[in-house]
N, C-alpha and C. Protein backbone atom coordinates (compact mmCIF):
# COMPACT_ATOMS: atom_id res chain seq x y z
N UNK A 1 -82.66 -35.72 -23.26
CA UNK A 1 -83.34 -36.01 -21.54
C UNK A 1 -84.55 -36.22 -21.33
N UNK A 2 -85.04 -37.09 -20.69
CA UNK A 2 -86.09 -37.87 -20.41
C UNK A 2 -87.03 -36.53 -19.40
N UNK A 3 -87.90 -36.18 -19.67
CA UNK A 3 -89.00 -35.60 -18.84
C UNK A 3 -89.40 -35.75 -17.71
N UNK A 4 -89.08 -36.35 -17.08
CA UNK A 4 -89.49 -36.85 -15.78
C UNK A 4 -88.46 -36.35 -15.30
N UNK A 5 -86.87 -36.49 -15.88
CA UNK A 5 -85.69 -36.37 -15.68
C UNK A 5 -85.72 -34.44 -14.68
N UNK A 6 -86.55 -33.79 -16.37
CA UNK A 6 -85.72 -32.91 -16.46
C UNK A 6 -86.85 -32.06 -15.56
N UNK A 7 -88.62 -32.78 -14.94
CA UNK A 7 -89.22 -32.13 -13.98
C UNK A 7 -89.40 -32.70 -12.45
N UNK A 8 -88.06 -33.49 -12.19
CA UNK A 8 -87.50 -33.23 -11.42
C UNK A 8 -86.97 -32.98 -10.75
N UNK A 9 -85.67 -32.09 -12.05
CA UNK A 9 -85.00 -31.51 -11.20
C UNK A 9 -85.24 -29.62 -11.47
N UNK A 10 -86.03 -28.98 -11.93
CA UNK A 10 -86.99 -27.38 -11.97
C UNK A 10 -87.23 -27.41 -10.91
N UNK A 11 -86.75 -26.08 -10.48
CA UNK A 11 -87.28 -25.44 -9.31
C UNK A 11 -88.33 -24.07 -9.63
N UNK A 12 -88.80 -24.70 -9.09
CA UNK A 12 -90.12 -23.28 -9.13
C UNK A 12 -90.20 -22.64 -8.46
N UNK A 13 -90.79 -21.09 -9.49
CA UNK A 13 -90.40 -19.54 -8.21
C UNK A 13 -89.01 -19.26 -7.98
N UNK A 14 -88.53 -19.18 -8.74
CA UNK A 14 -86.78 -19.06 -9.10
C UNK A 14 -86.21 -17.56 -10.41
N UNK A 15 -85.99 -17.51 -10.73
CA UNK A 15 -85.38 -16.58 -11.47
C UNK A 15 -84.15 -17.02 -11.86
N UNK A 16 -83.46 -17.69 -11.39
CA UNK A 16 -82.07 -18.41 -11.85
C UNK A 16 -82.14 -20.01 -11.58
N UNK A 17 -81.84 -20.05 -12.73
CA UNK A 17 -81.95 -21.86 -13.53
C UNK A 17 -80.24 -22.14 -13.47
N UNK A 18 -79.60 -21.55 -14.01
CA UNK A 18 -77.56 -21.65 -13.57
C UNK A 18 -76.67 -21.03 -13.43
N UNK A 19 -75.75 -21.39 -12.48
CA UNK A 19 -74.58 -21.28 -11.73
C UNK A 19 -73.47 -21.57 -12.92
N UNK A 20 -72.65 -20.49 -13.49
CA UNK A 20 -70.97 -21.34 -13.92
C UNK A 20 -69.69 -20.23 -13.49
N UNK A 21 -69.10 -20.39 -14.12
CA UNK A 21 -67.41 -19.46 -14.03
C UNK A 21 -67.09 -19.77 -15.44
N UNK A 22 -66.34 -18.36 -15.10
CA UNK A 22 -65.98 -18.26 -16.25
C UNK A 22 -64.18 -17.23 -16.06
N UNK A 23 -62.91 -17.42 -16.39
CA UNK A 23 -62.39 -16.42 -16.35
C UNK A 23 -62.12 -15.34 -17.87
N UNK A 24 -62.59 -16.12 -19.10
CA UNK A 24 -62.90 -15.55 -20.14
C UNK A 24 -64.27 -15.70 -20.56
N UNK A 25 -65.46 -14.55 -19.85
CA UNK A 25 -66.34 -14.64 -20.36
C UNK A 25 -66.68 -14.99 -21.57
N UNK A 26 -66.35 -14.42 -22.72
CA UNK A 26 -66.72 -14.31 -23.84
C UNK A 26 -66.97 -15.35 -24.35
N UNK A 27 -65.80 -15.77 -24.50
CA UNK A 27 -65.49 -17.21 -24.67
C UNK A 27 -66.25 -18.64 -24.20
N UNK A 28 -66.87 -18.57 -23.27
CA UNK A 28 -67.19 -19.60 -21.71
C UNK A 28 -68.66 -19.28 -22.90
N UNK A 29 -68.73 -17.96 -23.28
CA UNK A 29 -70.29 -17.98 -23.13
C UNK A 29 -70.16 -17.75 -24.94
N UNK A 30 -69.37 -18.39 -25.73
CA UNK A 30 -69.41 -18.98 -26.86
C UNK A 30 -70.11 -20.48 -27.15
N UNK A 31 -68.67 -20.94 -26.13
CA UNK A 31 -68.79 -22.73 -25.97
C UNK A 31 -69.83 -23.50 -25.59
N UNK A 32 -70.83 -22.34 -24.34
CA UNK A 32 -72.34 -22.67 -23.92
C UNK A 32 -73.05 -23.23 -24.94
N UNK A 33 -73.13 -21.59 -25.69
CA UNK A 33 -74.07 -21.85 -26.91
C UNK A 33 -73.69 -22.49 -27.77
N UNK A 34 -72.42 -22.50 -28.33
CA UNK A 34 -72.20 -24.11 -29.86
C UNK A 34 -72.60 -24.98 -29.18
N UNK A 35 -72.26 -25.37 -27.72
CA UNK A 35 -73.36 -26.97 -27.61
C UNK A 35 -74.52 -26.46 -26.82
N UNK A 36 -75.31 -25.73 -26.58
CA UNK A 36 -76.64 -25.87 -26.62
C UNK A 36 -77.44 -25.50 -28.54
N UNK A 37 -76.74 -25.19 -29.52
CA UNK A 37 -76.60 -25.55 -30.87
C UNK A 37 -76.48 -27.46 -30.98
N UNK A 38 -75.78 -27.76 -30.59
CA UNK A 38 -75.65 -29.08 -30.75
C UNK A 38 -74.32 -29.33 -31.29
N UNK A 39 -73.50 -28.09 -31.67
CA UNK A 39 -71.78 -28.39 -31.88
C UNK A 39 -70.75 -28.63 -30.58
N UNK A 40 -69.91 -29.04 -31.23
CA UNK A 40 -68.97 -29.46 -30.18
C UNK A 40 -68.46 -28.81 -29.57
N UNK A 41 -68.45 -28.51 -27.74
CA UNK A 41 -67.54 -27.47 -27.19
C UNK A 41 -67.38 -28.10 -26.01
N UNK A 42 -66.30 -27.39 -25.54
CA UNK A 42 -65.57 -28.32 -23.72
C UNK A 42 -66.56 -28.07 -23.08
N UNK A 43 -67.84 -27.31 -23.30
CA UNK A 43 -68.74 -27.05 -22.32
C UNK A 43 -70.21 -27.37 -21.82
N UNK A 44 -69.85 -28.69 -21.28
CA UNK A 44 -70.86 -29.68 -20.87
C UNK A 44 -71.73 -29.02 -19.53
N UNK A 45 -71.29 -27.31 -18.66
CA UNK A 45 -72.19 -28.04 -17.54
C UNK A 45 -73.52 -27.07 -18.85
N UNK A 46 -74.89 -27.08 -17.67
CA UNK A 46 -75.20 -26.26 -17.97
C UNK A 46 -76.55 -27.06 -19.17
N UNK A 47 -76.22 -28.30 -19.52
CA UNK A 47 -76.43 -28.82 -21.09
C UNK A 47 -78.66 -28.99 -20.11
N UNK A 48 -79.08 -28.73 -19.06
CA UNK A 48 -80.28 -28.79 -18.91
C UNK A 48 -80.71 -27.76 -19.23
N UNK A 49 -80.58 -26.82 -19.64
CA UNK A 49 -81.04 -25.81 -19.96
C UNK A 49 -81.50 -25.55 -21.49
N UNK A 50 -80.65 -26.24 -21.94
CA UNK A 50 -81.31 -26.33 -23.32
C UNK A 50 -82.38 -27.17 -23.49
N UNK A 51 -82.74 -27.81 -22.30
CA UNK A 51 -83.40 -28.26 -23.39
C UNK A 51 -85.41 -27.59 -22.32
N UNK A 52 -85.40 -26.55 -22.41
CA UNK A 52 -86.19 -25.62 -22.28
C UNK A 52 -86.53 -25.19 -23.41
N UNK A 53 -87.94 -24.82 -23.01
CA UNK A 53 -89.18 -24.45 -24.75
C UNK A 53 -88.30 -23.02 -24.45
N UNK A 54 -88.32 -21.94 -24.61
CA UNK A 54 -87.55 -20.88 -24.79
C UNK A 54 -85.78 -20.59 -23.65
N UNK A 55 -85.29 -21.25 -24.08
CA UNK A 55 -83.79 -21.18 -23.58
C UNK A 55 -83.14 -19.75 -24.97
N UNK A 56 -84.13 -19.88 -25.52
CA UNK A 56 -83.67 -18.77 -26.21
C UNK A 56 -83.72 -17.78 -25.86
N UNK A 57 -84.44 -17.17 -24.75
CA UNK A 57 -85.11 -16.02 -24.46
C UNK A 57 -84.33 -15.80 -22.76
N UNK A 58 -83.25 -16.92 -22.29
CA UNK A 58 -83.36 -16.23 -20.99
C UNK A 58 -81.88 -15.33 -21.25
N UNK A 59 -82.17 -15.06 -19.89
CA UNK A 59 -81.41 -13.36 -20.09
C UNK A 59 -79.93 -14.59 -19.32
N UNK A 60 -78.57 -13.39 -19.68
CA UNK A 60 -77.28 -13.72 -18.82
C UNK A 60 -76.55 -12.97 -18.15
N UNK A 61 -76.68 -12.44 -17.16
CA UNK A 61 -75.93 -12.41 -16.24
C UNK A 61 -74.47 -12.57 -15.10
N UNK A 62 -74.09 -12.03 -14.96
CA UNK A 62 -72.63 -12.49 -14.62
C UNK A 62 -72.09 -11.52 -13.43
N UNK A 63 -71.45 -11.43 -12.12
CA UNK A 63 -70.57 -11.04 -11.79
C UNK A 63 -69.30 -10.36 -11.10
N UNK A 64 -68.78 -9.62 -11.91
CA UNK A 64 -67.81 -9.45 -11.65
C UNK A 64 -66.63 -10.37 -10.39
N UNK A 65 -65.95 -11.26 -10.49
CA UNK A 65 -64.77 -10.90 -8.78
C UNK A 65 -63.47 -11.26 -9.00
N UNK A 66 -62.88 -10.13 -9.05
CA UNK A 66 -61.16 -10.22 -9.11
C UNK A 66 -60.56 -10.40 -8.23
N UNK A 67 -61.61 -10.13 -6.62
CA UNK A 67 -60.20 -11.39 -5.45
C UNK A 67 -61.07 -12.01 -4.98
N UNK A 68 -61.50 -13.10 -6.13
CA UNK A 68 -62.24 -14.22 -5.38
C UNK A 68 -61.74 -15.77 -6.36
N UNK A 69 -61.91 -16.87 -6.02
CA UNK A 69 -61.11 -17.78 -7.43
C UNK A 69 -62.60 -18.34 -7.41
N UNK A 70 -63.04 -18.00 -8.72
CA UNK A 70 -63.92 -18.52 -9.67
C UNK A 70 -65.13 -19.35 -9.38
N UNK A 71 -64.23 -20.51 -9.03
CA UNK A 71 -65.07 -21.62 -8.87
C UNK A 71 -65.72 -21.91 -7.63
N UNK A 72 -64.53 -20.70 -6.49
CA UNK A 72 -64.86 -20.98 -4.85
C UNK A 72 -66.61 -20.31 -5.15
N UNK A 73 -66.75 -19.18 -5.79
CA UNK A 73 -67.78 -18.46 -5.71
C UNK A 73 -68.48 -18.95 -6.75
N UNK A 74 -68.83 -19.82 -7.27
CA UNK A 74 -69.92 -20.39 -7.93
C UNK A 74 -70.03 -21.47 -6.87
N UNK A 75 -69.55 -22.42 -5.99
CA UNK A 75 -69.43 -23.19 -5.22
C UNK A 75 -70.66 -22.84 -4.35
N UNK A 76 -69.90 -21.73 -3.80
CA UNK A 76 -70.98 -21.11 -2.75
C UNK A 76 -72.52 -20.45 -3.78
N UNK A 77 -71.91 -20.01 -4.68
CA UNK A 77 -73.29 -19.64 -4.96
C UNK A 77 -74.76 -20.93 -4.89
N UNK A 78 -74.34 -21.69 -5.65
CA UNK A 78 -74.96 -23.04 -6.27
C UNK A 78 -75.18 -24.38 -4.38
N UNK A 79 -74.66 -23.67 -3.92
CA UNK A 79 -74.67 -23.79 -2.02
C UNK A 79 -75.72 -23.18 -1.66
N UNK A 80 -75.74 -21.66 -1.50
CA UNK A 80 -76.64 -20.80 -1.26
C UNK A 80 -78.19 -21.34 -1.67
N UNK A 81 -77.58 -21.12 -2.96
CA UNK A 81 -79.23 -22.06 -4.16
C UNK A 81 -79.89 -23.43 -3.22
N UNK A 82 -79.16 -23.99 -3.01
CA UNK A 82 -79.51 -25.07 -2.54
C UNK A 82 -80.24 -25.17 -0.73
N UNK A 83 -79.84 -24.44 -0.39
CA UNK A 83 -80.05 -24.32 1.28
C UNK A 83 -81.65 -23.66 0.86
N UNK A 84 -81.62 -22.45 0.29
CA UNK A 84 -82.32 -21.53 0.00
C UNK A 84 -84.24 -22.43 0.09
N UNK A 85 -83.29 -23.40 -1.60
CA UNK A 85 -84.81 -23.92 -1.66
C UNK A 85 -85.01 -25.56 -1.69
N UNK A 86 -83.88 -26.10 -1.30
CA UNK A 86 -84.10 -27.88 -1.14
C UNK A 86 -83.31 -28.52 -2.54
N UNK A 87 -82.70 -27.66 -3.58
CA UNK A 87 -82.51 -28.35 -4.63
C UNK A 87 -81.54 -27.09 -5.41
N UNK A 88 -80.03 -28.07 -6.14
CA UNK A 88 -79.50 -26.72 -6.78
C UNK A 88 -80.16 -26.33 -7.91
N UNK A 89 -79.78 -25.15 -8.83
CA UNK A 89 -80.32 -24.91 -9.92
C UNK A 89 -80.89 -26.18 -11.02
N UNK A 90 -81.93 -25.40 -11.73
CA UNK A 90 -81.90 -26.59 -12.13
C UNK A 90 -81.23 -26.88 -13.33
N UNK A 91 -80.30 -26.13 -13.95
CA UNK A 91 -79.38 -25.80 -14.80
C UNK A 91 -78.33 -26.80 -14.15
N UNK A 92 -77.79 -26.64 -12.98
CA UNK A 92 -76.43 -27.60 -12.27
C UNK A 92 -77.01 -28.73 -11.34
N UNK A 93 -76.04 -29.14 -12.45
CA UNK A 93 -75.93 -30.93 -11.68
C UNK A 93 -75.33 -31.25 -10.72
N UNK A 94 -74.38 -30.86 -9.88
CA UNK A 94 -73.09 -30.56 -9.10
C UNK A 94 -73.42 -29.67 -8.31
N UNK A 95 -72.50 -28.90 -7.27
CA UNK A 95 -72.10 -28.44 -6.41
C UNK A 95 -71.11 -27.50 -6.43
N UNK A 96 -70.56 -28.05 -8.12
CA UNK A 96 -69.14 -26.66 -8.02
C UNK A 96 -67.98 -27.47 -7.73
N UNK A 97 -67.17 -27.03 -7.53
CA UNK A 97 -65.53 -28.12 -8.13
C UNK A 97 -64.80 -27.97 -6.67
N UNK A 98 -65.37 -26.45 -5.56
CA UNK A 98 -64.93 -26.33 -4.45
C UNK A 98 -65.82 -26.26 -3.63
N UNK A 99 -65.12 -26.83 -2.59
CA UNK A 99 -65.94 -26.52 -1.35
C UNK A 99 -66.24 -25.42 -0.75
N UNK A 100 -67.43 -24.68 -0.12
CA UNK A 100 -68.31 -24.07 0.18
C UNK A 100 -66.81 -23.14 1.59
N UNK A 101 -67.18 -21.55 1.26
CA UNK A 101 -67.03 -21.36 2.08
C UNK A 101 -67.29 -21.01 3.08
C-alpha cells in the first residue's frame, strides 16, 4: 500500500483503528492474524492495520452483542466514529454491510 494512501486514511488522536464483527471470535481473530502474517485467509478487512510498524503491539477488545445483529452493530460503530472524526477508522475501508440504525 503506498505510504500516501495510508497517511490519508490515518485518523490522529484516537484509540480505535478498526471495528470488526464476528459470530465466532476465536476463528475470526485467527483468520485476521493469518492474513496479517501473509497467509491465505478469508479475512480482508483491516488490511491497513498490518502496515503499521507497531501492529503486533495493538490490543484487541470486543463487546458481546447477543441481542443485536453483529453487522448492524459494526456499521453503527463505524458511522458513529465517522460522524465524530470526519473519517472512518484507519482499518475500515467501508461503512459496514448494514444500514445504520
